[in-house]
Amino acid sequence: MWLSNSSVGRKVVMSVTGIALVLFLTFHMAMNLVALVSADGYNMVCAFLGANWYALVGTLGLAALFVIHIIYAFWLTVQNRNARGSERYAVVEKPKSVEWASQNMLVLGIIVIVGLGLHLANFWAKMMLPEVVHNMGGHVDTLTLVNASNGALHIQNTFSCPVFVVLYLIWLAALWFHLTHGFWSSMQSLGWNNKVWINRWKCISNIYSTIIVVCFAAVVVVFFLKSLMCCGACC
């Protein structure tokens, strides 16, 4: 099959899955911004999603996209390394025209994966998973089930811990580098890379990625500052 047997096809798969994941990040970012305005409003959104069938279908679809994106990323990396052969060891000075993010996409991707695992443990495992287990007849303690849709509580608990704040900010920094290169690179792989538009896509990529990451980081920092203020008030 062309999408798996050729390097061009693999890049197309990487591009399409990457763009789909960026669209999800945009939705997730908009959802998180609600938490900055209204905890009740954010919890209403969490309750609307919950473990309903459409949320489960969306989660499974996202998981499939993410797994495919990772598999093809490693596949292309191995292919590129094998194509260069021993020549990659002979290169001492890296070309100045090649972006740092482009040279380190695999490392950045691994950091993003590890960060995602942390994110799932802090939120998905405490929100959707208990509802799924309960709906399937499994035992979930009452408090955990009650707090499953209390997303604001989980945000506050997570980002009141300085360690999680630092880890999330590192994760978001890696995500920014990954997105800034990956977004315009996807457009290039899809053939939208003429001399005029390639520079435009790079500019759009930088702006769009910065908006996404800054908004996510704002939630982390604001809730951390809130926790400090609460501690100060208690003292």
C-alpha atoms as a PDB file:
ATOM      1  CA  MET A   1       0.000   0.000   0.000  1.00  0.00           C
ATOM      2  CA  TRP A   2       1.339   3.419  -1.004  1.00  0.00           C
ATOM      3  CA  LEU A   3       0.736   4.999   2.436  1.00  0.00           C
ATOM      4  CA  SER A   4       3.025   2.459   4.088  1.00  0.00           C
ATOM      5  CA  ASN A   5       5.366   1.240   1.344  1.00  0.00           C
ATOM      6  CA  SER A   6       6.785   4.595   0.257  1.00  0.00           C
ATOM      7  CA  SER A   7       8.542   7.310   2.239  1.00  0.00           C
ATOM      8  CA  VAL A   8       6.247   9.920   0.708  1.00  0.00           C
ATOM      9  CA  GLY A   9       3.182   7.959   1.794  1.00  0.00           C
ATOM     10  CA  ARG A  10       4.520   7.620   5.333  1.00  0.00           C
ATOM     11  CA  LYS A  11       5.128  11.368   5.481  1.00  0.00           C
ATOM     12  CA  VAL A  12       1.538  11.958   4.346  1.00  0.00           C
ATOM     13  CA  VAL A  13       0.254   9.717   7.151  1.00  0.00           C
ATOM     14  CA  MET A  14       2.470  11.576   9.634  1.00  0.00           C
ATOM     15  CA  SER A  15       1.158  14.902   8.338  1.00  0.00           C
ATOM     16  CA  VAL A  16      -2.545  14.029   8.402  1.00  0.00           C
ATOM     17  CA  THR A  17      -2.419  12.446  11.857  1.00  0.00           C
ATOM     18  CA  GLY A  18      -0.313  15.354  13.139  1.00  0.00           C
ATOM     19  CA  ILE A  19      -2.771  17.967  11.855  1.00  0.00           C
ATOM     20  CA  ALA A  20      -5.677  16.039  13.401  1.00  0.00           C
ATOM     21  CA  LEU A  21      -3.862  16.012  16.755  1.00  0.00           C
ATOM     22  CA  VAL A  22      -3.208  19.760  16.478  1.00  0.00           C
ATOM     23  CA  LEU A  23      -6.950  20.312  15.973  1.00  0.00           C
ATOM     24  CA  PHE A  24      -7.614  18.312  19.138  1.00  0.00           C
ATOM     25  CA  LEU A  25      -5.037  20.373  21.025  1.00  0.00           C
ATOM     26  CA  THR A  26      -6.899  23.487  19.902  1.00  0.00           C
ATOM     27  CA  PHE A  27     -10.166  22.124  21.299  1.00  0.00           C
ATOM     28  CA  HIS A  28      -8.474  20.999  24.520  1.00  0.00           C
ATOM     29  CA  MET A  29      -6.844  24.416  24.913  1.00  0.00           C
ATOM     30  CA  ALA A  30     -10.193  26.204  24.479  1.00  0.00           C
ATOM     31  CA  MET A  31     -11.761  23.848  27.004  1.00  0.00           C
ATOM     32  CA  ASN A  32      -9.007  24.493  29.552  1.00  0.00           C
ATOM     33  CA  LEU A  33      -9.346  28.250  29.201  1.00  0.00           C
ATOM     34  CA  VAL A  34     -12.884  27.918  30.558  1.00  0.00           C
ATOM     35  CA  ALA A  35     -11.321  26.822  33.860  1.00  0.00           C
ATOM     36  CA  LEU A  36      -9.649  30.229  34.136  1.00  0.00           C
ATOM     37  CA  VAL A  37     -12.997  31.985  33.844  1.00  0.00           C
ATOM     38  CA  SER A  38     -15.357  29.679  35.727  1.00  0.00           C
ATOM     39  CA  ALA A  39     -14.737  26.484  37.675  1.00  0.00           C
ATOM     40  CA  ASP A  40     -18.435  25.609  37.442  1.00  0.00           C
ATOM     41  CA  GLY A  41     -18.413  26.199  33.696  1.00  0.00           C
ATOM     42  CA  TYR A  42     -15.383  23.956  33.272  1.00  0.00           C
ATOM     43  CA  ASN A  43     -16.992  21.240  35.367  1.00  0.00           C
ATOM     44  CA  MET A  44     -20.103  21.467  33.186  1.00  0.00           C
ATOM     45  CA  VAL A  45     -17.939  20.793  30.139  1.00  0.00           C
ATOM     46  CA  CYS A  46     -16.288  17.852  31.934  1.00  0.00           C
ATOM     47  CA  ALA A  47     -19.688  16.452  32.895  1.00  0.00           C
ATOM     48  CA  PHE A  48     -20.939  16.840  29.312  1.00  0.00           C
ATOM     49  CA  LEU A  49     -18.008  14.795  28.043  1.00  0.00           C
ATOM     50  CA  GLY A  50     -17.507  12.325  30.889  1.00  0.00           C
ATOM     51  CA  ALA A  51     -17.744   8.699  29.786  1.00  0.00           C
ATOM     52  CA  ASN A  52     -20.534   9.302  27.291  1.00  0.00           C
ATOM     53  CA  TRP A  53     -20.405   7.336  24.036  1.00  0.00           C
ATOM     54  CA  TYR A  54     -19.259  10.300  21.942  1.00  0.00           C
ATOM     55  CA  ALA A  55     -16.435  11.061  24.373  1.00  0.00           C
ATOM     56  CA  LEU A  56     -15.356   7.407  24.350  1.00  0.00           C
ATOM     57  CA  VAL A  57     -15.431   7.267  20.540  1.00  0.00           C
ATOM     58  CA  GLY A  58     -13.413  10.480  20.405  1.00  0.00           C
ATOM     59  CA  THR A  59     -10.897   9.138  22.941  1.00  0.00           C
ATOM     60  CA  LEU A  60     -10.420   5.903  21.010  1.00  0.00           C
ATOM     61  CA  GLY A  61     -10.038   7.866  17.776  1.00  0.00           C
ATOM     62  CA  LEU A  62      -7.427  10.129  19.350  1.00  0.00           C
ATOM     63  CA  ALA A  63      -5.569   7.142  20.767  1.00  0.00           C
ATOM     64  CA  ALA A  64      -5.498   5.552  17.302  1.00  0.00           C
ATOM     65  CA  LEU A  65      -4.224   8.774  15.709  1.00  0.00           C
ATOM     66  CA  PHE A  66      -1.537   9.146  18.361  1.00  0.00           C
ATOM     67  CA  VAL A  67      -0.341   5.539  18.068  1.00  0.00           C
ATOM     68  CA  ILE A  68      -0.209   5.755  14.259  1.00  0.00           C
ATOM     69  CA  HIS A  69       1.669   9.073  14.489  1.00  0.00           C
ATOM     70  CA  ILE A  70       4.249   7.566  16.871  1.00  0.00           C
ATOM     71  CA  ILE A  71       4.722   4.382  14.828  1.00  0.00           C
ATOM     72  CA  TYR A  72       5.257   6.300  11.610  1.00  0.00           C
ATOM     73  CA  ALA A  73       7.573   8.778  13.353  1.00  0.00           C
ATOM     74  CA  PHE A  74       9.870   5.981  14.531  1.00  0.00           C
ATOM     75  CA  TRP A  75       9.536   4.243  11.171  1.00  0.00           C
ATOM     76  CA  LEU A  76      10.638   7.333   9.261  1.00  0.00           C
ATOM     77  CA  THR A  77      13.464   8.003  11.726  1.00  0.00           C
ATOM     78  CA  VAL A  78      14.853   4.479  11.298  1.00  0.00           C
ATOM     79  CA  GLN A  79      14.436   4.757   7.532  1.00  0.00           C
ATOM     80  CA  ASN A  80      16.319   8.073   7.419  1.00  0.00           C
ATOM     81  CA  ARG A  81      19.122   6.743   9.610  1.00  0.00           C
ATOM     82  CA  ASN A  82      19.501   3.634   7.453  1.00  0.00           C
ATOM     83  CA  ALA A  83      19.497   5.757   4.296  1.00  0.00           C
ATOM     84  CA  ARG A  84      22.340   7.920   5.605  1.00  0.00           C
ATOM     85  CA  GLY A  85      24.311   4.889   6.736  1.00  0.00           C
ATOM     86  CA  SER A  86      27.828   5.657   7.924  1.00  0.00           C
ATOM     87  CA  GLU A  87      27.617   9.198   6.534  1.00  0.00           C
ATOM     88  CA  ARG A  88      25.803  10.414   9.635  1.00  0.00           C
ATOM     89  CA  TYR A  89      28.934   9.701  11.709  1.00  0.00           C
ATOM     90  CA  ALA A  90      31.078  11.759   9.351  1.00  0.00           C
ATOM     91  CA  VAL A  91      29.064  14.923   9.881  1.00  0.00           C
ATOM     92  CA  VAL A  92      30.754  17.005  12.559  1.00  0.00           C
ATOM     93  CA  GLU A  93      29.149  20.397  11.996  1.00  0.00           C
ATOM     94  CA  LYS A  94      25.370  20.529  11.569  1.00  0.00           C
ATOM     95  CA  PRO A  95      24.031  22.695   8.743  1.00  0.00           C
ATOM     96  CA  LYS A  96      22.993  26.125   9.973  1.00  0.00           C
ATOM     97  CA  SER A  97      19.960  26.046   7.672  1.00  0.00           C
ATOM     98  CA  VAL A  98      18.514  23.075   9.554  1.00  0.00           C
ATOM     99  CA  GLU A  99      16.359  24.008  12.536  1.00  0.00           C
ATOM    100  CA  TRP A 100      17.210  22.701  15.989  1.00  0.00           C
ATOM    101  CA  ALA A 101      13.700  21.246  16.320  1.00  0.00           C
ATOM    102  CA  SER A 102      14.130  19.387  13.034  1.00  0.00           C
ATOM    103  CA  GLN A 103      17.365  17.811  14.292  1.00  0.00           C
ATOM    104  CA  ASN A 104      15.755  16.728  17.570  1.00  0.00           C
ATOM    105  CA  MET A 105      12.192  15.788  16.622  1.00  0.00           C
ATOM    106  CA  LEU A 106      12.577  12.254  17.969  1.00  0.00           C
ATOM    107  CA  VAL A 107      13.831  13.447  21.371  1.00  0.00           C
ATOM    108  CA  LEU A 108      11.105  16.087  21.527  1.00  0.00           C
ATOM    109  CA  GLY A 109       8.537  13.461  20.576  1.00  0.00           C
ATOM    110  CA  ILE A 110       9.699  11.181  23.399  1.00  0.00           C
ATOM    111  CA  ILE A 111       9.366  14.046  25.911  1.00  0.00           C
ATOM    112  CA  VAL A 112       5.859  14.720  24.580  1.00  0.00           C
ATOM    113  CA  ILE A 113       4.941  11.036  25.001  1.00  0.00           C
ATOM    114  CA  VAL A 114       6.254  10.946  28.588  1.00  0.00           C
ATOM    115  CA  GLY A 115       4.375  14.172  29.353  1.00  0.00           C
ATOM    116  CA  LEU A 116       1.207  12.700  27.901  1.00  0.00           C
ATOM    117  CA  GLY A 117       1.570   9.704  30.201  1.00  0.00           C
ATOM    118  CA  LEU A 118       1.853  12.069  33.168  1.00  0.00           C
ATOM    119  CA  HIS A 119      -1.186  14.009  31.955  1.00  0.00           C
ATOM    120  CA  LEU A 120      -3.269  10.846  31.584  1.00  0.00           C
ATOM    121  CA  ALA A 121      -2.308   9.732  35.087  1.00  0.00           C
ATOM    122  CA  ASN A 122      -3.258  13.097  36.600  1.00  0.00           C
ATOM    123  CA  PHE A 123      -6.514  13.638  34.746  1.00  0.00           C
ATOM    124  CA  TRP A 124      -7.876  10.861  32.510  1.00  0.00           C
ATOM    125  CA  ALA A 125      -7.246   8.169  35.132  1.00  0.00           C
ATOM    126  CA  LYS A 126      -9.146  10.268  37.705  1.00  0.00           C
ATOM    127  CA  MET A 127     -11.975  11.493  35.468  1.00  0.00           C
ATOM    128  CA  MET A 128     -13.071   9.330  32.542  1.00  0.00           C
ATOM    129  CA  LEU A 129     -11.552   6.022  33.691  1.00  0.00           C
ATOM    130  CA  PRO A 130     -13.516   5.755  36.994  1.00  0.00           C
ATOM    131  CA  GLU A 131     -16.765   6.399  35.109  1.00  0.00           C
ATOM    132  CA  VAL A 132     -15.888   3.756  32.521  1.00  0.00           C
ATOM    133  CA  VAL A 133     -15.074   1.215  35.238  1.00  0.00           C
ATOM    134  CA  HIS A 134     -18.311   2.068  37.074  1.00  0.00           C
ATOM    135  CA  ASN A 135     -20.408   1.763  33.911  1.00  0.00           C
ATOM    136  CA  MET A 136     -18.873  -1.640  33.229  1.00  0.00           C
ATOM    137  CA  GLY A 137     -19.927  -2.837  36.671  1.00  0.00           C
ATOM    138  CA  GLY A 138     -16.578  -2.428  38.378  1.00  0.00           C
ATOM    139  CA  HIS A 139     -16.134  -1.082  41.893  1.00  0.00           C
ATOM    140  CA  VAL A 140     -15.251   2.576  42.282  1.00  0.00           C
ATOM    141  CA  ASP A 141     -15.360   4.305  45.654  1.00  0.00           C
ATOM    142  CA  THR A 142     -18.029   6.984  45.996  1.00  0.00           C
ATOM    143  CA  LEU A 143     -15.692   9.964  46.454  1.00  0.00           C
ATOM    144  CA  THR A 144     -13.680   9.100  43.331  1.00  0.00           C
ATOM    145  CA  LEU A 145     -16.863   8.765  41.304  1.00  0.00           C
ATOM    146  CA  VAL A 146     -18.306  12.025  42.615  1.00  0.00           C
ATOM    147  CA  ASN A 147     -15.100  13.903  41.786  1.00  0.00           C
ATOM    148  CA  ALA A 148     -14.795  12.332  38.327  1.00  0.00           C
ATOM    149  CA  SER A 149     -16.432  15.325  36.657  1.00  0.00           C
ATOM    150  CA  ASN A 150     -14.852  17.880  38.987  1.00  0.00           C
ATOM    151  CA  GLY A 151     -12.111  18.857  36.568  1.00  0.00           C
ATOM    152  CA  ALA A 152     -11.380  22.133  38.355  1.00  0.00           C
ATOM    153  CA  LEU A 153     -10.549  20.208  41.522  1.00  0.00           C
ATOM    154  CA  HIS A 154      -8.095  17.966  39.679  1.00  0.00           C
ATOM    155  CA  ILE A 155      -6.442  20.963  38.016  1.00  0.00           C
ATOM    156  CA  GLN A 156      -6.070  22.692  41.376  1.00  0.00           C
ATOM    157  CA  ASN A 157      -4.696  19.561  43.083  1.00  0.00           C
ATOM    158  CA  THR A 158      -2.221  18.877  40.282  1.00  0.00           C
ATOM    159  CA  PHE A 159      -0.853  22.382  39.870  1.00  0.00           C
ATOM    160  CA  SER A 160      -0.618  23.123  43.565  1.00  0.00           C
ATOM    161  CA  CYS A 161       2.428  20.831  43.432  1.00  0.00           C
ATOM    162  CA  PRO A 162       5.582  22.672  42.224  1.00  0.00           C
ATOM    163  CA  VAL A 163       7.054  19.450  40.837  1.00  0.00           C
ATOM    164  CA  PHE A 164       4.095  18.949  38.508  1.00  0.00           C
ATOM    165  CA  VAL A 165       4.228  22.616  37.508  1.00  0.00           C
ATOM    166  CA  VAL A 166       7.879  22.317  36.432  1.00  0.00           C
ATOM    167  CA  LEU A 167       7.297  18.997  34.646  1.00  0.00           C
ATOM    168  CA  TYR A 168       4.294  20.376  32.758  1.00  0.00           C
ATOM    169  CA  LEU A 169       6.168  23.500  31.696  1.00  0.00           C
ATOM    170  CA  ILE A 170       9.050  21.358  30.395  1.00  0.00           C
ATOM    171  CA  TRP A 171       6.514  19.225  28.555  1.00  0.00           C
ATOM    172  CA  LEU A 172       4.878  22.298  27.039  1.00  0.00           C
ATOM    173  CA  ALA A 173       8.258  23.691  25.954  1.00  0.00           C
ATOM    174  CA  ALA A 174       9.017  20.422  24.143  1.00  0.00           C
ATOM    175  CA  LEU A 175       5.532  20.488  22.643  1.00  0.00           C
ATOM    176  CA  TRP A 176       6.149  24.018  21.327  1.00  0.00           C
ATOM    177  CA  PHE A 177       9.325  23.006  19.527  1.00  0.00           C
ATOM    178  CA  HIS A 178       7.607  19.876  18.192  1.00  0.00           C
ATOM    179  CA  LEU A 179       4.611  21.834  16.898  1.00  0.00           C
ATOM    180  CA  THR A 180       6.521  24.744  15.385  1.00  0.00           C
ATOM    181  CA  HIS A 181       8.452  22.382  13.146  1.00  0.00           C
ATOM    182  CA  GLY A 182       5.814  19.689  12.701  1.00  0.00           C
ATOM    183  CA  PHE A 183       3.009  22.012  11.586  1.00  0.00           C
ATOM    184  CA  TRP A 184       4.760  23.613   8.608  1.00  0.00           C
ATOM    185  CA  SER A 185       6.577  20.389   7.824  1.00  0.00           C
ATOM    186  CA  SER A 186       3.180  18.678   7.487  1.00  0.00           C
ATOM    187  CA  MET A 187       2.077  21.290   4.980  1.00  0.00           C
ATOM    188  CA  GLN A 188       5.300  20.724   3.073  1.00  0.00           C
ATOM    189  CA  SER A 189       4.706  16.964   2.977  1.00  0.00           C
ATOM    190  CA  LEU A 190       1.200  17.556   1.637  1.00  0.00           C
ATOM    191  CA  GLY A 191       2.615  19.599  -1.220  1.00  0.00           C
ATOM    192  CA  TRP A 192       1.674  23.096  -0.005  1.00  0.00           C
ATOM    193  CA  ASN A 193       5.244  24.301  -0.045  1.00  0.00           C
ATOM    194  CA  ASN A 194       5.781  26.703  -2.916  1.00  0.00           C
ATOM    195  CA  LYS A 195       8.288  29.517  -2.385  1.00  0.00           C
ATOM    196  CA  VAL A 196       5.608  31.960  -1.235  1.00  0.00           C
ATOM    197  CA  TRP A 197       3.642  29.711   1.089  1.00  0.00           C
ATOM    198  CA  ILE A 198       6.431  27.807   2.811  1.00  0.00           C
ATOM    199  CA  ASN A 199       7.560  30.942   4.667  1.00  0.00           C
ATOM    200  CA  ARG A 200       3.945  31.810   5.423  1.00  0.00           C
ATOM    201  CA  TRP A 201       3.346  28.343   6.849  1.00  0.00           C
ATOM    202  CA  LYS A 202       6.433  28.708   9.044  1.00  0.00           C
ATOM    203  CA  CYS A 203       5.117  32.019  10.372  1.00  0.00           C
ATOM    204  CA  ILE A 204       1.622  30.610  10.936  1.00  0.00           C
ATOM    205  CA  SER A 205       3.156  27.557  12.610  1.00  0.00           C
ATOM    206  CA  ASN A 206       5.131  29.681  15.075  1.00  0.00           C
ATOM    207  CA  ILE A 207       2.172  31.920  15.934  1.00  0.00           C
ATOM    208  CA  TYR A 208      -0.381  29.121  16.225  1.00  0.00           C
ATOM    209  CA  SER A 209       1.906  26.876  18.280  1.00  0.00           C
ATOM    210  CA  THR A 210       2.777  29.763  20.600  1.00  0.00           C
ATOM    211  CA  ILE A 211      -0.904  30.555  21.210  1.00  0.00           C
ATOM    212  CA  ILE A 212      -1.674  26.924  22.045  1.00  0.00           C
ATOM    213  CA  VAL A 213       1.293  26.445  24.380  1.00  0.00           C
ATOM    214  CA  VAL A 214       0.965  29.828  26.114  1.00  0.00           C
ATOM    215  CA  CYS A 215      -2.720  29.179  26.838  1.00  0.00           C
ATOM    216  CA  PHE A 216      -1.961  25.751  28.305  1.00  0.00           C
ATOM    217  CA  ALA A 217       0.897  27.230  30.347  1.00  0.00           C
ATOM    218  CA  ALA A 218      -1.396  30.013  31.589  1.00  0.00           C
ATOM    219  CA  VAL A 219      -3.676  27.417  33.195  1.00  0.00           C
ATOM    220  CA  VAL A 220      -0.696  25.781  34.900  1.00  0.00           C
ATOM    221  CA  VAL A 221       0.757  29.056  36.211  1.00  0.00           C
ATOM    222  CA  VAL A 222      -2.551  30.662  37.245  1.00  0.00           C
ATOM    223  CA  PHE A 223      -3.674  27.659  39.266  1.00  0.00           C
ATOM    224  CA  PHE A 224      -0.241  27.380  40.849  1.00  0.00           C
ATOM    225  CA  LEU A 225      -0.411  31.057  41.891  1.00  0.00           C
ATOM    226  CA  LYS A 226      -3.913  30.487  43.235  1.00  0.00           C
ATOM    227  CA  SER A 227      -2.604  27.666  45.395  1.00  0.00           C
ATOM    228  CA  LEU A 228       0.151  29.943  46.738  1.00  0.00           C
ATOM    229  CA  MET A 229      -2.411  32.630  47.530  1.00  0.00           C
ATOM    230  CA  CYS A 230      -4.603  30.120  49.323  1.00  0.00           C
ATOM    231  CA  CYS A 231      -1.634  28.909  51.370  1.00  0.00           C
ATOM    232  CA  GLY A 232      -0.745  32.490  52.218  1.00  0.00           C
ATOM    233  CA  ALA A 233      -4.305  33.214  53.304  1.00  0.00           C
ATOM    234  CA  CYS A 234      -4.346  30.112  55.494  1.00  0.00           C
ATOM    235  CA  CYS A 235      -1.119  31.218  57.163  1.00  0.00           C
END
